[in-house]
């Protein structure tokens, strides 16, 4: 198989019927342990959607003494 055929084979879209689909279970870490969101009550689900995500930068270490 040529590289062009390989790329076009990867680019094809997979189409599933509704009866072939499966629910995706979302888990999150709460108070040091992991729990599925499906077990959350209404208030906890609201808190999850209001979370702010950030990326922590690495610190710069200076070797000057």
Foldseek 3Di string as FASTA:
>chain_A
DDPVVVVVVVPDDDDDDPVPDDDDWDWDDDPHRIDTPVPDDPVVVVVVVPDDDDDDDDDDDDPDD
